[in-house]
């Protein structure tokens, strides 16, 4: 077994696609529009399945926002240099919610950014991280 994708519901598809492609450096892998059932899907990632899991953004026609609830935590992305990634994301207009630095009680270097729908994305410094050459 393996994880294939994570799905997030978004209130406006294009700003979310722009964030994940232009700010975080993912590729738009494919889209599917289903007018009969009133939704559009966009699949993004650094590589397509089966090489890596993908992110599925789901836009349900007419729904502009969602209650985040208390169960959702964050997505996590490995980056070669978390400090450089934060500066590039900031320069691209991304929202930094936690500056780069060591995790409390540990040695990992992390940061958090927020997408247009308020979802948190953790950046974790990982040497030799493939697919994040932008950072």
Foldseek 3Di string as FASTA:
>chain_A
DDAAEAEDEAQDPPQQVCCCCVQQNKDFPDKDADVVQQKIWTWIGLDHPPVDHIYIYMYGPPHRADDPDDPDDAAEDEDQDQQVSVVSNVVSVWAWPAHWDADPPDRWTWTWTAGPRGGIYIYTHDHPRPSRPVD
